[in-house]
Structure formats: structure tokens, C-alpha cells
Amino acid sequence: MARPRPIIFDCDGVLVDSEPLAARAYERVYEKHGMPGVNTSIIAQCIGMKQSDIIARIKELTGHQFPAAADGDIWAETKVLFSQELKPTPGITAFLETLAGDRCVASSSSVERINHSLAVTGLARFFGDAIYSSSMVKNGKPAPDIFLFAADKIGANPVDCIVIEDSPFGIQGAVAAGMTAIGYTGGGHTYAEHAARLTAAGADFVCADWQEVSRQLSGLGAPA
């Protein structure tokens, strides 16, 4: 029997339903520093980016320059909300319990945030040390760096890897890495044009729940 294809998971919005909480944290922290107006519609344009790129994008969109010395405030506020309210995406625990083959996490978030998110939601046991952050590579998504790095770390050929992502930036990065890309729209931050934007970014398939992901994986040689 052929070995199942490796699966590379994004974390925020794929494994954990974190994006609405993260948007709330950014809004609170910017307001705290006298910069109102960083609302959900602004943050929606930054999903999939690492924090430094999000801060730069918010400046482009609003003119607000977040003070570099206060960068830690964003994670501090986010961590409080995650500790109190973060949940796994619906159905992911059952999905991971039956998933065969190698898997890892490749996220734009910091290692601390990824580990905290997986611990709070009970998903850490499914990944062990196979946790990779954009902080480990030169360029964040939509560059392919994090996906190529993750594939190398788990000893996989990029062309064999399947990436599951909720953001157009992540899908673009997976495509640039030469990997099969599955778009996921089952998080609490999904919106009317979400699936279309993932498809436009190059997703091979777009799935609204983990049952649909399982069906697509079966056809790709990675049954779950």
C-alpha cells in the first residue's frame, strides 16, 4: 500500500477558530494606543500574514503606525482571549484522530502562539514537535518559504504535500511551493466571497467542513 501523502496544516482558522478573537485583540490594542478604527474589515485583509506584516498592512490601510516597543501587547491581549475562549474548528479533533500519515503545522504565528493555541484546544497531541512558524524563515506567506521549510523538516517531497489553508495568502504560498492546496472555509471568520477568493488564489479544492476535506483527501491518496 502506498504511503499516505503528508498534510501541512495552517493553524489559525484551520485547526483553531482563532481569527475572530485575534481581530478583537488587534482592535483593542490599537485603541489602547490611541489608534481607533482597526476593525474586523481591516483585519480581514491581513489574515494569513505574520504579525510584522499585519502591522505594516494596517499602516497602509489606516495610517496608524503601531509603536515597535509595544509589539508584545498584541500577543498579551490575544493570549488572554485565547485562554478564555479559543476552540478547535468544528470536527477537527475527530478528523485528526483518524488521519494516517505524516502531518505538521506551518503557520504565520509565533511558535509561542501556535503552541498555546494547540494546548488550549487539546490538539497539541496530534503534532508533537512538528510545529513550524514563519519566524523560522526569511519571507512569510504568500512566499513559499514556510511550506518548503516544513516539508524539509518532515522529510517530504514538496510535490507530495497537501496544504490546508484558510487564507488566499496561504494558498498562494502553497501553490508557489508546488504543493496541492485545499482551501478551508469552516472557521468563524468565513464570508460570502471566501471560497471564491481561495479558488482565485489557486486552491485545487475548497471545503466548508472536515467531512468534505476527508472526501477530497481520499481522492488524493491521503485518506482521513
Protein backbone atom coordinates (compact mmCIF):
# COMPACT_ATOMS: atom_id res chain seq x y z
CA MET A 1 0.00 0.00 0.00
CA ALA A 2 1.28 3.47 -0.90
CA ARG A 3 2.33 5.72 1.95
CA PRO A 4 -0.27 8.44 2.69
CA ARG A 5 0.67 11.89 1.43
CA PRO A 6 1.93 14.33 4.09
CA ILE A 7 -0.54 17.00 5.25
CA ILE A 8 0.61 20.51 6.18
CA PHE A 9 -1.94 22.41 8.26
CA ASP A 10 -2.20 26.12 8.80
CA CYS A 11 -3.13 26.81 12.42
CA ASP A 12 -5.30 29.93 12.77
CA GLY A 13 -8.67 29.50 11.12
CA VAL A 14 -7.92 25.89 10.15
CA LEU A 15 -7.05 23.95 13.29
CA VAL A 16 -8.32 26.55 15.74
CA ASP A 17 -11.17 29.03 15.34
CA SER A 18 -8.99 31.95 16.30
CA GLU A 19 -9.41 34.67 13.70
CA PRO A 20 -12.42 36.46 15.27
CA LEU A 21 -10.61 36.53 18.62
CA ALA A 22 -7.36 37.73 17.05
CA ALA A 23 -9.22 40.54 15.25
CA ARG A 24 -10.77 41.62 18.54
CA ALA A 25 -7.33 41.67 20.17
CA TYR A 26 -5.86 43.89 17.43
CA GLU A 27 -8.80 46.29 17.71
CA ARG A 28 -8.44 46.53 21.50
CA VAL A 29 -4.68 47.05 21.45
CA TYR A 30 -4.74 49.68 18.72
CA GLU A 31 -7.49 51.54 20.61
CA LYS A 32 -5.41 51.30 23.79
CA HIS A 33 -2.59 53.08 21.98
CA GLY A 34 -4.88 55.83 20.66
CA MET A 35 -5.44 54.38 17.18
CA PRO A 36 -9.13 53.53 16.70
CA GLY A 37 -10.72 52.09 13.58
CA VAL A 38 -8.75 48.85 13.26
CA ASN A 39 -11.92 46.84 12.89
CA THR A 40 -12.81 43.40 11.56
CA SER A 41 -12.91 44.56 7.93
CA ILE A 42 -9.34 45.86 8.25
CA ILE A 43 -8.02 42.71 9.92
CA ALA A 44 -9.80 40.54 7.32
CA GLN A 45 -7.37 41.93 4.75
CA CYS A 46 -4.43 40.69 6.84
CA ILE A 47 -5.46 37.09 7.55
CA GLY A 48 -2.63 34.67 6.84
CA MET A 49 0.17 37.19 7.45
CA LYS A 50 2.72 37.18 10.26
CA GLN A 51 2.43 39.92 12.88
CA SER A 52 5.07 42.26 11.44
CA ASP A 53 3.38 42.12 8.04
CA ILE A 54 -0.04 42.69 9.62
CA ILE A 55 1.24 45.81 11.38
CA ALA A 56 2.67 47.08 8.08
CA ARG A 57 -0.58 46.35 6.26
CA ILE A 58 -2.67 48.13 8.91
CA LYS A 59 -0.46 51.18 8.45
CA GLU A 60 -1.10 51.07 4.70
CA LEU A 61 -4.85 50.82 5.24
CA THR A 62 -5.30 53.25 8.15
CA GLY A 63 -2.13 55.31 8.50
CA HIS A 64 -1.68 54.04 12.05
CA GLN A 65 1.96 53.33 12.94
CA PHE A 66 1.97 50.88 15.82
CA PRO A 67 4.84 51.56 18.26
CA ALA A 68 7.52 48.87 17.89
CA ALA A 69 8.17 48.89 21.63
CA ALA A 70 4.58 47.76 22.21
CA ASP A 71 4.59 44.75 19.85
CA GLY A 72 4.28 42.41 22.83
CA ASP A 73 0.94 43.97 23.78
CA ILE A 74 -0.72 42.31 20.78
CA TRP A 75 0.18 38.79 21.85
CA ALA A 76 -0.58 39.57 25.51
CA GLU A 77 -4.14 40.61 24.64
CA THR A 78 -4.55 37.75 22.19
CA LYS A 79 -3.34 35.22 24.75
CA VAL A 80 -5.94 36.36 27.29
CA LEU A 81 -8.74 35.93 24.76
CA PHE A 82 -7.41 32.58 23.55
CA SER A 83 -7.10 31.26 27.10
CA GLN A 84 -10.70 32.19 27.81
CA GLU A 85 -12.50 31.46 24.55
CA LEU A 86 -10.45 29.62 21.90
CA LYS A 87 -11.99 26.46 20.45
CA PRO A 88 -10.91 23.98 17.77
CA THR A 89 -12.66 24.32 14.43
CA PRO A 90 -15.79 22.12 14.34
CA GLY A 91 -14.94 18.48 13.61
CA ILE A 92 -11.15 18.82 13.53
CA THR A 93 -10.50 16.64 16.58
CA ALA A 94 -12.36 13.67 15.12
CA PHE A 95 -10.65 14.28 11.78
CA LEU A 96 -7.16 14.22 13.30
CA GLU A 97 -7.92 11.10 15.35
CA THR A 98 -8.34 9.05 12.17
CA LEU A 99 -5.74 10.79 9.98
CA ALA A 100 -2.96 8.49 8.79
CA GLY A 101 0.49 9.55 7.68
CA ASP A 102 2.78 12.45 8.42
CA ARG A 103 1.40 15.83 9.35
CA CYS A 104 2.73 19.14 10.64
CA VAL A 105 1.72 22.75 11.31
CA ALA A 106 3.06 25.63 9.19
CA SER A 107 1.74 28.92 10.50
CA SER A 108 2.42 32.64 10.24
CA SER A 109 2.01 32.91 14.01
CA SER A 110 4.84 32.77 16.53
CA VAL A 111 5.85 29.41 17.97
CA GLU A 112 4.54 30.51 21.37
CA ARG A 113 1.14 31.39 19.93
CA ILE A 114 0.90 28.16 17.94
CA ASN A 115 1.79 26.04 20.95
CA HIS A 116 -0.62 27.93 23.21
CA SER A 117 -3.44 27.59 20.67
CA LEU A 118 -2.91 23.85 20.29
CA ALA A 119 -2.58 23.32 24.05
CA VAL A 120 -5.75 25.27 24.91
CA THR A 121 -7.78 23.37 22.30
CA GLY A 122 -6.35 19.91 23.07
CA LEU A 123 -4.80 19.49 19.62
CA ALA A 124 -1.12 19.53 20.60
CA ARG A 125 -1.06 15.73 20.94
CA PHE A 126 -1.61 15.31 17.20
CA PHE A 127 1.53 17.16 16.11
CA GLY A 128 4.30 16.65 18.67
CA ASP A 129 7.30 18.79 17.72
CA ALA A 130 6.22 19.22 14.08
CA ILE A 131 5.37 22.89 14.60
CA TYR A 132 6.83 25.44 12.17
CA SER A 133 6.46 29.21 12.19
CA SER A 134 7.13 31.91 9.61
CA SER A 135 9.55 33.33 12.19
CA MET A 136 11.84 30.45 11.18
CA VAL A 137 12.13 31.58 7.55
CA LYS A 138 13.04 34.75 5.65
CA ASN A 139 9.71 35.51 3.99
CA GLY A 140 6.18 35.00 5.29
CA LYS A 141 3.17 33.91 3.28
CA PRO A 142 2.38 34.36 0.38
CA ALA A 143 6.02 33.35 -0.18
CA PRO A 144 6.50 29.55 -0.22
CA ASP A 145 9.30 29.61 2.38
CA ILE A 146 7.40 28.20 5.37
CA PHE A 147 5.88 25.34 3.38
CA LEU A 148 9.20 24.32 1.84
CA PHE A 149 10.83 24.55 5.26
CA ALA A 150 8.12 22.35 6.82
CA ALA A 151 8.37 19.75 4.06
CA ASP A 152 12.13 19.57 4.53
CA LYS A 153 11.76 19.17 8.28
CA ILE A 154 9.39 16.22 7.96
CA GLY A 155 11.42 14.68 5.15
CA ALA A 156 8.75 15.10 2.48
CA ASN A 157 8.97 15.94 -1.20
CA PRO A 158 7.06 19.22 -1.69
CA VAL A 159 5.15 17.84 -4.68
CA ASP A 160 3.71 15.10 -2.43
CA CYS A 161 2.48 17.52 0.24
CA ILE A 162 -1.10 18.68 0.68
CA VAL A 163 -1.62 22.04 2.37
CA ILE A 164 -4.86 23.03 4.12
CA GLU A 165 -5.25 26.80 4.35
CA ASP A 166 -7.99 29.34 5.04
CA SER A 167 -6.33 32.44 3.57
CA PRO A 168 -5.57 33.46 -0.02
CA PHE A 169 -2.01 34.31 1.10
CA GLY A 170 -1.55 30.78 2.42
CA ILE A 171 -2.98 29.22 -0.72
CA GLN A 172 -0.64 31.33 -2.86
CA GLY A 173 2.31 30.18 -0.78
CA ALA A 174 1.32 26.52 -1.09
CA VAL A 175 0.93 26.82 -4.86
CA ALA A 176 4.29 28.57 -5.12
CA ALA A 177 5.82 25.67 -3.18
CA GLY A 178 4.45 23.22 -5.77
CA MET A 179 2.03 21.61 -3.32
CA THR A 180 -1.62 20.61 -3.60
CA ALA A 181 -3.71 23.31 -1.91
CA ILE A 182 -7.04 22.78 -0.16
CA GLY A 183 -8.94 25.89 0.90
CA TYR A 184 -10.91 25.66 4.15
CA THR A 185 -13.90 27.88 4.90
CA GLY A 186 -15.20 26.30 8.11
CA GLY A 187 -13.84 28.91 10.55
CA GLY A 188 -15.87 31.59 12.28
CA HIS A 189 -14.33 34.31 10.13
CA THR A 190 -15.62 32.97 6.81
CA TYR A 191 -17.51 35.35 4.50
CA ALA A 192 -19.55 35.29 1.29
CA GLU A 193 -16.60 35.57 -1.12
CA HIS A 194 -14.24 33.37 0.90
CA ALA A 195 -14.41 30.25 -1.28
CA ALA A 196 -14.14 32.26 -4.49
CA ARG A 197 -11.05 34.09 -3.25
CA LEU A 198 -9.36 30.84 -2.24
CA THR A 199 -10.11 29.39 -5.66
CA ALA A 200 -8.78 32.53 -7.35
CA ALA A 201 -5.60 32.20 -5.27
CA GLY A 202 -5.06 28.73 -6.74
CA ALA A 203 -6.80 26.27 -4.40
CA ASP A 204 -7.31 22.87 -6.01
CA PHE A 205 -10.38 22.32 -3.83
CA VAL A 206 -12.34 24.38 -1.31
CA CYS A 207 -14.05 22.64 1.61
CA ALA A 208 -16.53 24.02 4.12
CA ASP A 209 -16.08 21.30 6.76
CA TRP A 210 -13.78 18.45 7.74
CA GLN A 211 -16.06 15.77 6.31
CA GLU A 212 -15.62 17.38 2.90
CA VAL A 213 -11.85 17.60 3.46
CA SER A 214 -11.83 13.85 4.19
CA ARG A 215 -13.63 13.12 0.92
CA GLN A 216 -11.16 15.19 -1.07
CA LEU A 217 -8.17 13.63 0.65
CA SER A 218 -9.42 10.13 -0.20
CA GLY A 219 -9.24 11.08 -3.86
CA LEU A 220 -5.74 12.49 -3.42
CA GLY A 221 -4.18 9.42 -1.86
CA ALA A 222 -4.30 10.73 1.70
CA PRO A 223 -7.38 9.11 3.26
CA ALA A 224 -8.66 10.51 6.56
